[in-house]
Amino acid sequence: MEPLKTTVVKEGKAAILFPSANEVFYNPVQEFNRDLTCAVITEFARDLLAQRGVKVVVPGEKERVLVSLSEETNEDDAQTEEKNGAESPAVTATVGEKCERGLRVLEGLAASGLRSVRFALEVPGLQSVTANDFSTKAAALIARNAQYNGVSHLLEASCRDASMLMYEMRGKKERFDVIDLDPYGSPASFLDAAVQAVSEGGLLCVTCTDMAVMAGNSGETCYSKYGSVSIKAKYCHEMALRIILHSLDQRAGVYQRYIQPLLSVSVDFYIRVFVRVFTGQATVKNSASKQALVYNCVGCGSFHLQRMGRRTSNGKHSTIHCSTPPLLQFKSALLHAGHRVSLSHACKNAIKTDAPPAAIWDIMRCWEKANPVKREKLSETSPAFKILSTEPSLEACFTVREDANPQSRKRHLTRFQENPQAFWGPKARAKAGGGIATNLQDKRKKCQNKRKNQITDSSEVKNFHCKKFRQVSSPRGSCRLYQNRFTWFNFQKKSEAEYEGVPC
């Protein structure tokens, strides 16, 4: 058997043994991509490891220039940052050495392993680098190149399906700090696993080389892969960056995670994005405010953005601040106007009608004239002011009609199914030992029908469950303590009568 012919390819500090036959993919044009990735991961390691008490030492770095992206940073903040940077942690991390508190890096589609070898040779503060490829020949070449460059103590070759590997590492203790995806074509099939396998605040690096799809040549294919329709425009590369960011944000949002873009570039025939992934339900709910529809003029090329949502504060906007019309009167007004209307099986206070929204608003305007609101308290920019400023186009009649009340309602027939047993509905999560906690059952009994059975005896107030207060034990045992965020209440047993009027 003839020995395998190889060629040595040098890039950065790495020297890769590459087979003469094109059995393993290698693209020399993306050298800039690999240079940029090494630089970004180095800076990411510097910031993240500083929180773990590790200082990153970059070879050849004499003086680091601190650049703040915030316009509000003043000189005092800069001096504080320099002072904090001058205080060296006890542990230092250098290039080529294994750091126990360092980063765990995964290259999902490594091919020859050139990128991973460069990570091990050029990026300080690494705990391990996993270079994975589905090809057995590629995995063997990765192990060979790791040994050839003397980084076997850091770099581990893996021959697995990239998605399955990341799915298996979704646990909080198994996640990777950095995941690099540079596939041949689209990364769409790997994104779902990647946003789960990256650690809290971890770095996700993604490359897309299917620019024909993302730049508008095939909008249908782009929608099936990324959930967005690409269009042909002069800004197609800028839009391609936003399409991949949108796709990452959508995939992460499914798992109550969100992305924070750090760097996005369009180079040659590909795009590259670097994002950090965090977990936060409240932030995920604002995802719609980051999305928009693009209206592009095919003639002049101008475009307009229509936002999918806008973040507003609760309680600032409402519709019409008037009393609610009785159900039968409102149904009668719709019937008098010539529309069909019926009750809903989903909600006892809801109706179904074929009346257009304009007719419903006209009826509400007529009701407001009979039951006026204080116009002086309405803001001129509020929806209520604008709606009530328009005169109704019809005169609503609120006289109750006979057919407004159906026979089933007159006969008091059951429209909504009754609960077959107490505490009906979603149950508590299963516990390791099984069963439901006793205190949970007690809490449910106290909360059962709490709105229907209002407490009139003030002595029972302190015994009623309240979310704002919780009872805590007293060290002396002579009093009962109730605590909320701001105040401590002390109900002493010997003088409880003094506190009977205190509301919970």
Protein backbone atom coordinates (compact mmCIF):
# COMPACT_ATOMS: atom_id res chain seq x y z
CA MET A 1 0.00 0.00 0.00
CA GLU A 2 1.41 3.39 -1.01
CA PRO A 3 1.75 5.98 1.76
CA LEU A 4 -0.75 8.82 1.74
CA LYS A 5 0.61 11.85 -0.05
CA THR A 6 0.16 15.06 1.93
CA THR A 7 0.89 18.73 1.49
CA VAL A 8 1.80 21.09 4.34
CA VAL A 9 -0.43 24.17 4.40
CA LYS A 10 0.72 27.03 6.68
CA GLU A 11 -1.71 29.61 8.00
CA GLY A 12 -1.24 31.78 11.05
CA LYS A 13 0.79 29.76 13.55
CA ALA A 14 -0.57 26.43 12.30
CA ALA A 15 0.92 23.98 9.83
CA ILE A 16 -1.68 21.55 8.48
CA LEU A 17 -1.05 18.24 6.77
CA PHE A 18 -3.48 18.29 3.89
CA PRO A 19 -4.05 15.28 1.58
CA SER A 20 -3.17 15.86 -2.06
CA ALA A 21 -6.45 14.25 -3.11
CA ASN A 22 -9.41 16.51 -2.39
CA GLU A 23 -10.90 14.18 0.24
CA VAL A 24 -11.21 16.81 2.98
CA PHE A 25 -12.59 20.30 2.33
CA TYR A 26 -10.25 23.27 2.62
CA ASN A 27 -10.91 26.83 1.46
CA PRO A 28 -7.88 29.17 1.50
CA VAL A 29 -10.08 32.18 0.63
CA GLN A 30 -11.59 32.17 4.13
CA GLU A 31 -8.29 32.87 5.85
CA PHE A 32 -9.65 36.29 6.85
CA ASN A 33 -12.66 34.53 8.40
CA ARG A 34 -10.36 32.44 10.58
CA ASP A 35 -8.14 35.45 11.47
CA LEU A 36 -11.20 37.42 12.54
CA THR A 37 -12.58 34.54 14.59
CA CYS A 38 -9.32 34.11 16.52
CA ALA A 39 -9.31 37.83 17.34
CA VAL A 40 -12.96 37.86 18.48
CA ILE A 41 -12.61 34.77 20.68
CA THR A 42 -9.45 36.25 22.25
CA GLU A 43 -11.31 39.40 23.28
CA PHE A 44 -14.28 37.33 24.42
CA ALA A 45 -11.96 35.19 26.56
CA ARG A 46 -10.40 38.32 28.06
CA ASP A 47 -13.78 39.65 29.22
CA LEU A 48 -15.34 36.36 30.32
CA LEU A 49 -12.32 34.94 32.13
CA ALA A 50 -11.80 38.20 34.00
CA GLN A 51 -15.12 37.44 35.73
CA ARG A 52 -13.69 34.04 36.70
CA GLY A 53 -10.54 35.57 38.16
CA VAL A 54 -8.26 34.72 35.24
CA LYS A 55 -6.08 37.19 33.33
CA VAL A 56 -5.47 36.48 29.66
CA VAL A 57 -1.94 37.07 28.40
CA VAL A 58 -1.77 37.75 24.65
CA PRO A 59 1.68 37.25 23.09
CA GLY A 60 3.19 40.41 21.60
CA GLU A 61 0.62 42.71 23.20
CA LYS A 62 2.43 45.69 24.74
CA GLU A 63 -0.36 48.15 25.48
CA ARG A 64 -4.07 47.53 25.13
CA VAL A 65 -6.19 50.42 23.85
CA LEU A 66 -9.53 50.63 25.67
CA VAL A 67 -12.34 51.72 23.38
CA SER A 68 -15.79 52.37 24.88
CA LEU A 69 -18.85 52.10 22.65
CA SER A 70 -20.94 54.13 25.09
CA GLU A 71 -21.26 57.86 24.40
CA GLU A 72 -21.91 58.56 28.09
CA THR A 73 -18.60 57.26 29.36
CA ASN A 74 -16.66 60.01 31.10
CA GLU A 75 -13.06 60.30 32.23
CA ASP A 76 -13.80 58.95 35.72
CA ASP A 77 -15.25 55.77 34.23
CA ALA A 78 -12.21 55.34 32.02
CA GLN A 79 -9.85 55.78 34.97
CA THR A 80 -11.85 53.24 36.99
CA GLU A 81 -11.64 50.74 34.13
CA GLU A 82 -7.89 51.24 33.82
CA LYS A 83 -7.51 50.78 37.60
CA ASN A 84 -9.52 47.56 37.51
CA GLY A 85 -7.45 46.32 34.61
CA ALA A 86 -4.23 47.07 36.49
CA GLU A 87 -5.23 44.77 39.32
CA SER A 88 -3.92 41.46 37.99
CA PRO A 89 -5.78 38.30 39.05
CA ALA A 90 -3.84 35.54 40.74
CA VAL A 91 -4.29 33.15 37.76
CA THR A 92 -2.97 33.91 34.28
CA ALA A 93 -3.75 32.11 31.04
CA THR A 94 -1.31 31.96 28.13
CA VAL A 95 -1.43 30.57 24.62
CA GLY A 96 -0.99 26.82 24.30
CA GLU A 97 -1.54 26.07 27.99
CA LYS A 98 -4.63 24.38 29.38
CA CYS A 99 -6.62 26.61 31.72
CA GLU A 100 -8.94 24.83 34.14
CA ARG A 101 -11.26 27.87 34.28
CA GLY A 102 -10.89 28.50 30.57
CA LEU A 103 -13.23 28.31 27.60
CA ARG A 104 -14.68 25.13 26.17
CA VAL A 105 -14.79 25.55 22.39
CA LEU A 106 -16.63 23.47 19.79
CA GLU A 107 -16.04 23.61 16.05
CA GLY A 108 -19.00 21.67 14.72
CA LEU A 109 -17.82 21.24 11.12
CA ALA A 110 -14.03 21.15 11.35
CA ALA A 111 -12.98 19.40 8.08
CA SER A 112 -9.16 19.41 8.25
CA GLY A 113 -9.16 20.99 11.73
CA LEU A 114 -7.21 24.06 10.64
CA ARG A 115 -9.46 26.46 12.53
CA SER A 116 -9.34 24.43 15.75
CA VAL A 117 -5.56 24.07 15.57
CA ARG A 118 -5.27 27.83 15.19
CA PHE A 119 -7.51 28.29 18.23
CA ALA A 120 -5.18 26.09 20.28
CA LEU A 121 -2.08 27.92 19.06
CA GLU A 122 -3.31 31.54 19.01
CA VAL A 123 -6.14 31.96 21.55
CA PRO A 124 -5.19 32.06 25.26
CA GLY A 125 -7.39 30.83 28.10
CA LEU A 126 -8.73 27.60 26.60
CA GLN A 127 -9.75 24.57 28.61
CA SER A 128 -10.52 22.36 25.61
CA VAL A 129 -11.24 22.50 21.88
CA THR A 130 -13.50 19.89 20.30
CA ALA A 131 -13.04 19.62 16.53
CA ASN A 132 -15.93 17.61 15.12
CA ASP A 133 -16.68 16.32 11.63
CA PHE A 134 -19.07 13.68 10.31
CA SER A 135 -16.41 12.27 7.95
CA THR A 136 -14.17 9.55 9.39
CA LYS A 137 -11.32 10.64 7.12
CA ALA A 138 -11.66 14.22 8.33
CA ALA A 139 -11.69 13.13 12.00
CA ALA A 140 -8.54 11.07 11.46
CA LEU A 141 -6.87 14.04 9.75
CA ILE A 142 -7.86 16.33 12.67
CA ALA A 143 -6.21 14.01 15.19
CA ARG A 144 -3.12 13.81 13.00
CA ASN A 145 -2.87 17.60 12.66
CA ALA A 146 -3.35 18.08 16.41
CA GLN A 147 -0.42 15.78 17.08
CA TYR A 148 1.66 17.39 14.31
CA ASN A 149 1.19 20.86 15.88
CA GLY A 150 1.69 19.67 19.46
CA VAL A 151 -1.77 20.62 20.73
CA SER A 152 -3.17 17.18 21.52
CA HIS A 153 -3.51 18.19 25.17
CA LEU A 154 -6.02 20.87 24.15
CA LEU A 155 -7.61 19.61 20.94
CA GLU A 156 -9.85 16.57 20.78
CA ALA A 157 -11.04 15.09 17.48
CA SER A 158 -14.66 13.95 17.23
CA CYS A 159 -16.54 12.04 14.52
CA ARG A 160 -20.21 12.78 15.22
CA ASP A 161 -23.23 14.37 13.68
CA ALA A 162 -22.86 18.02 14.68
CA SER A 163 -26.51 18.52 15.62
CA MET A 164 -26.67 15.36 17.73
CA LEU A 165 -23.43 16.32 19.49
CA MET A 166 -24.83 19.73 20.42
CA TYR A 167 -28.19 18.31 21.48
CA GLU A 168 -26.43 15.95 23.87
CA MET A 169 -24.55 18.89 25.42
CA ARG A 170 -27.64 20.97 26.26
CA GLY A 171 -27.24 20.51 30.01
CA LYS A 172 -26.12 23.62 31.88
CA LYS A 173 -22.93 21.91 33.04
CA GLU A 174 -22.08 20.43 29.62
CA ARG A 175 -22.60 23.50 27.43
CA PHE A 176 -19.79 25.02 25.37
CA ASP A 177 -18.58 28.57 25.94
CA VAL A 178 -17.91 29.06 22.22
CA ILE A 179 -19.56 27.29 19.27
CA ASP A 180 -18.24 27.88 15.75
CA LEU A 181 -20.33 26.83 12.74
CA ASP A 182 -18.83 27.26 9.28
CA PRO A 183 -20.71 24.85 7.02
CA TYR A 184 -20.49 24.37 3.28
CA GLY A 185 -23.72 26.22 2.43
CA SER A 186 -26.51 26.99 4.87
CA PRO A 187 -26.19 26.64 8.68
CA ALA A 188 -29.99 26.54 9.11
CA SER A 189 -30.15 22.88 10.14
CA PHE A 190 -27.66 23.44 12.99
CA LEU A 191 -29.05 26.61 14.56
CA ASP A 192 -31.67 24.99 16.79
CA ALA A 193 -29.09 22.77 18.47
CA ALA A 194 -26.49 25.55 18.65
CA VAL A 195 -28.64 28.05 20.59
CA GLN A 196 -29.27 25.34 23.21
CA ALA A 197 -25.72 24.00 23.51
CA VAL A 198 -24.01 27.37 24.08
CA SER A 199 -23.53 28.43 27.70
CA GLU A 200 -25.14 31.43 29.41
CA GLY A 201 -23.54 34.49 27.83
CA GLY A 202 -21.58 32.20 25.50
CA LEU A 203 -20.35 33.11 22.02
CA LEU A 204 -21.94 31.74 18.86
CA CYS A 205 -20.06 32.21 15.56
CA VAL A 206 -22.01 31.42 12.37
CA THR A 207 -21.03 31.60 8.69
CA CYS A 208 -23.47 31.55 5.75
CA THR A 209 -22.12 30.90 2.25
CA ASP A 210 -25.50 30.47 0.49
CA MET A 211 -25.58 34.11 -0.56
CA ALA A 212 -27.59 33.36 -3.72
CA VAL A 213 -30.47 32.39 -1.43
CA MET A 214 -30.02 35.17 1.10
CA ALA A 215 -29.46 37.94 -1.46
CA GLY A 216 -32.80 37.57 -3.25
CA ASN A 217 -32.35 35.00 -5.99
CA SER A 218 -34.63 32.51 -4.24
CA GLY A 219 -36.94 34.12 -1.72
CA GLU A 220 -39.01 30.95 -1.22
CA THR A 221 -35.94 28.91 -0.27
CA CYS A 222 -34.80 31.68 2.05
CA TYR A 223 -38.15 31.64 3.82
CA SER A 224 -38.09 27.85 4.27
CA LYS A 225 -34.59 27.98 5.81
CA TYR A 226 -34.49 31.24 7.73
CA GLY A 227 -38.13 32.34 8.13
CA SER A 228 -37.60 35.49 6.00
CA VAL A 229 -38.13 36.37 2.35
CA SER A 230 -35.05 37.87 0.72
CA ILE A 231 -35.48 40.47 -2.03
CA LYS A 232 -33.21 41.75 -4.75
CA ALA A 233 -32.01 45.19 -3.72
CA LYS A 234 -28.84 47.21 -3.44
CA TYR A 235 -28.78 46.52 0.29
CA CYS A 236 -29.13 42.72 -0.16
CA HIS A 237 -25.97 41.95 1.85
CA GLU A 238 -27.08 44.15 4.74
CA MET A 239 -30.45 42.41 4.63
CA ALA A 240 -28.76 39.00 4.57
CA LEU A 241 -27.05 39.81 7.88
CA ARG A 242 -30.37 40.73 9.43
CA ILE A 243 -32.00 37.58 8.07
CA ILE A 244 -29.54 35.29 9.84
CA LEU A 245 -29.79 37.38 13.05
CA HIS A 246 -33.58 37.13 12.84
CA SER A 247 -33.36 33.36 12.41
CA LEU A 248 -31.02 33.02 15.41
CA ASP A 249 -33.31 35.20 17.52
CA GLN A 250 -36.36 33.12 16.57
CA ARG A 251 -34.65 29.81 17.36
CA ALA A 252 -33.32 31.10 20.68
CA GLY A 253 -36.68 32.57 21.69
CA VAL A 254 -38.27 29.12 21.67
CA TYR A 255 -36.08 28.23 24.66
CA GLN A 256 -36.53 31.58 26.47
CA ARG A 257 -33.14 32.77 25.23
CA TYR A 258 -32.13 35.85 23.27
CA ILE A 259 -29.11 36.98 21.29
CA GLN A 260 -26.84 40.01 21.59
CA PRO A 261 -25.00 40.72 18.31
CA LEU A 262 -21.34 41.63 18.75
CA LEU A 263 -20.01 41.73 15.19
CA SER A 264 -21.62 41.13 11.78
CA VAL A 265 -19.66 41.28 8.50
CA SER A 266 -20.25 40.61 4.82
CA VAL A 267 -17.04 39.51 3.11
CA ASP A 268 -16.49 38.20 -0.41
CA PHE A 269 -19.06 35.44 -0.96
CA TYR A 270 -20.19 34.88 2.66
CA ILE A 271 -21.49 36.57 5.77
CA ARG A 272 -20.29 36.03 9.33
CA VAL A 273 -22.02 36.91 12.60
CA PHE A 274 -20.80 36.77 16.22
CA VAL A 275 -23.53 36.81 18.87
CA ARG A 276 -23.77 36.14 22.59
CA VAL A 277 -26.68 34.06 23.88
CA PHE A 278 -28.45 34.81 27.16
CA THR A 279 -31.53 33.53 28.98
CA GLY A 280 -34.31 35.91 29.97
CA GLN A 281 -38.05 35.54 29.55
CA ALA A 282 -38.78 39.26 29.90
CA THR A 283 -36.29 40.19 27.17
CA VAL A 284 -37.57 37.46 24.85
CA LYS A 285 -41.03 39.03 25.00
CA ASN A 286 -39.59 42.16 23.38
CA SER A 287 -38.43 40.18 20.34
CA ALA A 288 -41.28 41.43 18.15
CA SER A 289 -40.09 45.02 18.57
CA LYS A 290 -36.83 44.05 16.80
CA GLN A 291 -38.57 42.66 13.68
CA ALA A 292 -40.01 44.57 10.73
CA LEU A 293 -41.50 44.14 7.27
CA VAL A 294 -39.64 45.76 4.35
CA TYR A 295 -41.57 47.50 1.57
CA ASN A 296 -39.24 48.04 -1.40
CA CYS A 297 -40.01 50.08 -4.50
CA VAL A 298 -38.98 48.21 -7.66
CA GLY A 299 -38.79 51.51 -9.53
CA CYS A 300 -36.64 53.89 -7.48
CA GLY A 301 -35.29 51.40 -4.94
CA SER A 302 -36.61 53.27 -1.89
CA PHE A 303 -37.76 51.17 1.04
CA HIS A 304 -39.92 51.55 4.13
CA LEU A 305 -39.85 49.56 7.38
CA GLN A 306 -43.02 48.58 9.21
CA ARG A 307 -42.21 47.35 12.71
CA MET A 308 -43.86 44.14 13.84
CA GLY A 309 -44.30 45.48 17.35
CA ARG A 310 -43.50 48.34 19.66
CA ARG A 311 -42.64 48.14 23.32
CA THR A 312 -44.97 50.18 25.51
CA SER A 313 -45.46 50.56 29.23
CA ASN A 314 -48.48 48.91 30.78
CA GLY A 315 -51.36 51.16 31.80
CA LYS A 316 -50.59 54.13 29.51
CA HIS A 317 -52.89 53.21 26.62
CA SER A 318 -56.46 52.04 26.73
CA THR A 319 -59.42 52.27 24.46
CA ILE A 320 -62.59 54.03 25.67
CA HIS A 321 -62.81 54.81 29.38
CA CYS A 322 -66.57 54.41 29.62
CA SER A 323 -68.86 51.94 31.35
CA THR A 324 -69.50 48.63 29.64
CA PRO A 325 -72.95 48.35 28.03
CA PRO A 326 -75.10 45.45 29.28
CA LEU A 327 -74.84 42.35 27.15
CA LEU A 328 -78.48 42.29 26.01
CA GLN A 329 -78.46 45.99 25.13
CA PHE A 330 -75.29 45.65 23.08
CA LYS A 331 -76.67 42.60 21.25
CA SER A 332 -79.91 44.48 20.61
CA ALA A 333 -78.00 47.44 19.14
CA LEU A 334 -76.26 45.10 16.70
CA LEU A 335 -79.58 43.45 15.76
CA HIS A 336 -81.24 46.86 15.25
CA ALA A 337 -78.37 47.76 12.91
CA GLY A 338 -79.09 44.69 10.76
CA HIS A 339 -76.23 42.45 11.87
CA ARG A 340 -76.25 38.89 13.15
CA VAL A 341 -75.01 38.23 16.66
CA SER A 342 -74.83 35.29 19.07
CA LEU A 343 -73.19 34.33 22.34
CA SER A 344 -69.84 32.59 22.45
CA HIS A 345 -69.17 29.14 23.88
CA ALA A 346 -65.64 30.20 24.91
CA CYS A 347 -66.38 33.13 27.23
CA LYS A 348 -69.62 34.11 28.96
CA ASN A 349 -69.06 37.84 28.30
CA ALA A 350 -68.09 37.46 24.63
CA ILE A 351 -70.23 37.67 21.50
CA LYS A 352 -69.85 36.60 17.88
CA THR A 353 -71.05 38.92 15.13
CA ASP A 354 -70.66 39.65 11.42
CA ALA A 355 -70.64 43.40 12.09
CA PRO A 356 -67.50 45.20 10.85
CA PRO A 357 -65.26 46.97 13.39
CA ALA A 358 -66.50 50.36 12.14
CA ALA A 359 -70.09 49.50 13.11
CA ILE A 360 -69.03 48.27 16.54
CA TRP A 361 -67.09 51.49 17.20
CA ASP A 362 -70.13 53.55 16.09
CA ILE A 363 -72.28 51.71 18.63
CA MET A 364 -69.70 52.36 21.34
CA ARG A 365 -69.61 56.07 20.40
CA CYS A 366 -73.39 56.22 20.77
CA TRP A 367 -73.18 54.49 24.13
CA GLU A 368 -70.53 56.96 25.28
CA LYS A 369 -72.81 59.87 24.39
CA ALA A 370 -75.45 58.46 26.72
CA ASN A 371 -72.81 57.62 29.33
CA PRO A 372 -70.15 60.29 28.76
CA VAL A 373 -66.59 60.13 29.98
CA LYS A 374 -64.54 63.10 31.17
CA ARG A 375 -63.01 64.31 27.91
CA GLU A 376 -60.72 66.76 29.69
CA LYS A 377 -58.82 63.83 31.22
CA LEU A 378 -58.11 62.22 27.84
CA SER A 379 -54.82 62.96 26.14
CA GLU A 380 -55.13 64.30 22.59
CA THR A 381 -52.74 61.60 21.40
CA SER A 382 -54.62 58.74 23.08
CA PRO A 383 -56.69 56.25 21.04
CA ALA A 384 -59.77 57.07 23.16
CA PHE A 385 -59.62 60.77 22.23
CA LYS A 386 -59.24 60.03 18.51
CA ILE A 387 -62.03 57.43 18.47
CA LEU A 388 -64.50 59.61 20.39
CA SER A 389 -63.68 62.68 18.30
CA THR A 390 -65.25 60.98 15.25
CA GLU A 391 -69.01 61.30 14.91
CA PRO A 392 -70.89 57.98 14.54
CA SER A 393 -72.32 57.24 11.11
CA LEU A 394 -75.37 55.45 12.57
CA GLU A 395 -77.79 56.07 15.42
CA ALA A 396 -77.63 53.03 17.70
CA CYS A 397 -80.80 51.80 19.39
CA PHE A 398 -80.25 50.09 22.74
CA THR A 399 -83.83 48.98 23.28
CA VAL A 400 -83.73 45.31 24.27
CA ARG A 401 -85.16 43.02 21.62
CA GLU A 402 -86.85 39.71 22.31
CA ASP A 403 -84.50 37.73 20.10
CA ALA A 404 -81.43 39.22 21.83
CA ASN A 405 -81.86 36.74 24.68
CA PRO A 406 -81.72 33.14 23.36
CA GLN A 407 -83.98 30.43 24.73
CA SER A 408 -81.04 28.54 26.24
CA ARG A 409 -80.18 31.59 28.33
CA LYS A 410 -83.79 32.16 29.37
CA ARG A 411 -84.09 28.56 30.54
CA HIS A 412 -80.74 28.83 32.38
CA LEU A 413 -79.28 25.89 30.56
CA THR A 414 -75.66 25.03 31.30
CA ARG A 415 -73.54 26.64 28.63
CA PHE A 416 -70.15 25.95 30.23
CA GLN A 417 -69.16 22.59 31.64
CA GLU A 418 -68.82 22.43 35.40
CA ASN A 419 -65.68 21.08 37.04
CA PRO A 420 -66.20 17.38 37.83
CA GLN A 421 -64.15 17.64 41.02
CA ALA A 422 -62.39 20.14 43.26
CA PHE A 423 -59.08 21.68 42.16
CA TRP A 424 -59.84 20.86 38.52
CA GLY A 425 -57.31 22.01 35.95
CA PRO A 426 -53.55 21.84 35.42
CA LYS A 427 -51.79 19.84 38.08
CA ALA A 428 -48.44 20.53 39.70
CA ARG A 429 -45.28 19.19 38.14
CA ALA A 430 -44.33 15.63 39.04
CA LYS A 431 -41.86 15.28 41.89
CA ALA A 432 -39.16 12.66 42.27
CA GLY A 433 -40.98 11.09 45.20
CA GLY A 434 -44.41 11.47 43.61
CA GLY A 435 -47.57 13.13 44.89
CA ILE A 436 -48.37 16.77 45.55
CA ALA A 437 -47.03 18.74 48.47
CA THR A 438 -49.47 19.19 51.36
CA ASN A 439 -48.85 22.92 51.57
CA LEU A 440 -49.80 23.24 47.89
CA GLN A 441 -53.17 21.59 48.57
CA ASP A 442 -53.76 23.91 51.52
CA LYS A 443 -52.88 26.92 49.38
CA ARG A 444 -55.35 25.84 46.70
CA LYS A 445 -58.12 25.40 49.25
CA LYS A 446 -57.56 28.93 50.54
CA CYS A 447 -57.55 30.38 47.03
CA GLN A 448 -60.58 28.41 45.80
CA ASN A 449 -63.36 30.88 44.85
CA LYS A 450 -61.59 33.73 46.62
CA ARG A 451 -63.23 36.30 44.34
CA LYS A 452 -66.74 34.92 44.79
CA ASN A 453 -66.58 34.41 48.55
CA GLN A 454 -65.41 37.79 49.76
CA ILE A 455 -64.27 37.99 53.40
CA THR A 456 -66.40 40.30 55.52
CA ASP A 457 -65.01 39.42 58.94
CA SER A 458 -61.80 41.38 59.51
CA SER A 459 -60.52 38.72 61.91
CA GLU A 460 -60.19 36.33 58.96
CA VAL A 461 -58.00 38.65 56.91
CA LYS A 462 -54.76 37.54 58.52
CA ASN A 463 -55.62 33.87 57.87
CA PHE A 464 -56.28 34.40 54.17
CA HIS A 465 -53.50 33.65 51.71
CA CYS A 466 -51.98 36.72 50.04
CA LYS A 467 -49.24 36.80 47.43
CA LYS A 468 -47.80 40.08 48.70
CA PHE A 469 -47.18 38.82 52.22
CA ARG A 470 -45.71 35.66 53.65
CA GLN A 471 -45.70 34.44 57.22
CA VAL A 472 -42.30 33.87 58.78
CA SER A 473 -41.30 32.34 62.08
CA SER A 474 -40.43 34.47 65.09
CA PRO A 475 -37.35 33.68 67.19
CA ARG A 476 -39.28 34.42 70.40
CA GLY A 477 -42.44 32.55 69.42
CA SER A 478 -44.62 35.24 70.99
CA CYS A 479 -45.71 36.96 67.81
CA ARG A 480 -46.52 36.37 64.18
CA LEU A 481 -44.51 38.16 61.51
CA TYR A 482 -45.76 39.04 58.02
CA GLN A 483 -43.18 40.21 55.49
CA ASN A 484 -43.40 41.86 52.11
CA ARG A 485 -40.80 43.69 49.99
CA PHE A 486 -40.91 46.90 51.99
CA THR A 487 -42.50 46.42 55.43
CA TRP A 488 -42.50 44.10 58.42
CA PHE A 489 -45.81 43.62 60.25
CA ASN A 490 -45.75 42.31 63.81
CA PHE A 491 -49.05 40.84 65.06
CA GLN A 492 -48.48 40.02 68.72
CA LYS A 493 -50.67 37.30 70.18
CA LYS A 494 -51.46 39.23 73.34
CA SER A 495 -52.86 42.25 71.42
CA GLU A 496 -54.21 40.85 68.14
CA ALA A 497 -57.39 42.84 68.53
CA GLU A 498 -55.47 46.01 67.80
CA TYR A 499 -54.59 44.73 64.32
CA GLU A 500 -57.88 43.28 63.20
CA GLY A 501 -58.49 46.17 60.81
CA VAL A 502 -55.17 45.84 58.99
CA PRO A 503 -55.83 44.75 55.37
CA CYS A 504 -53.59 42.12 53.79
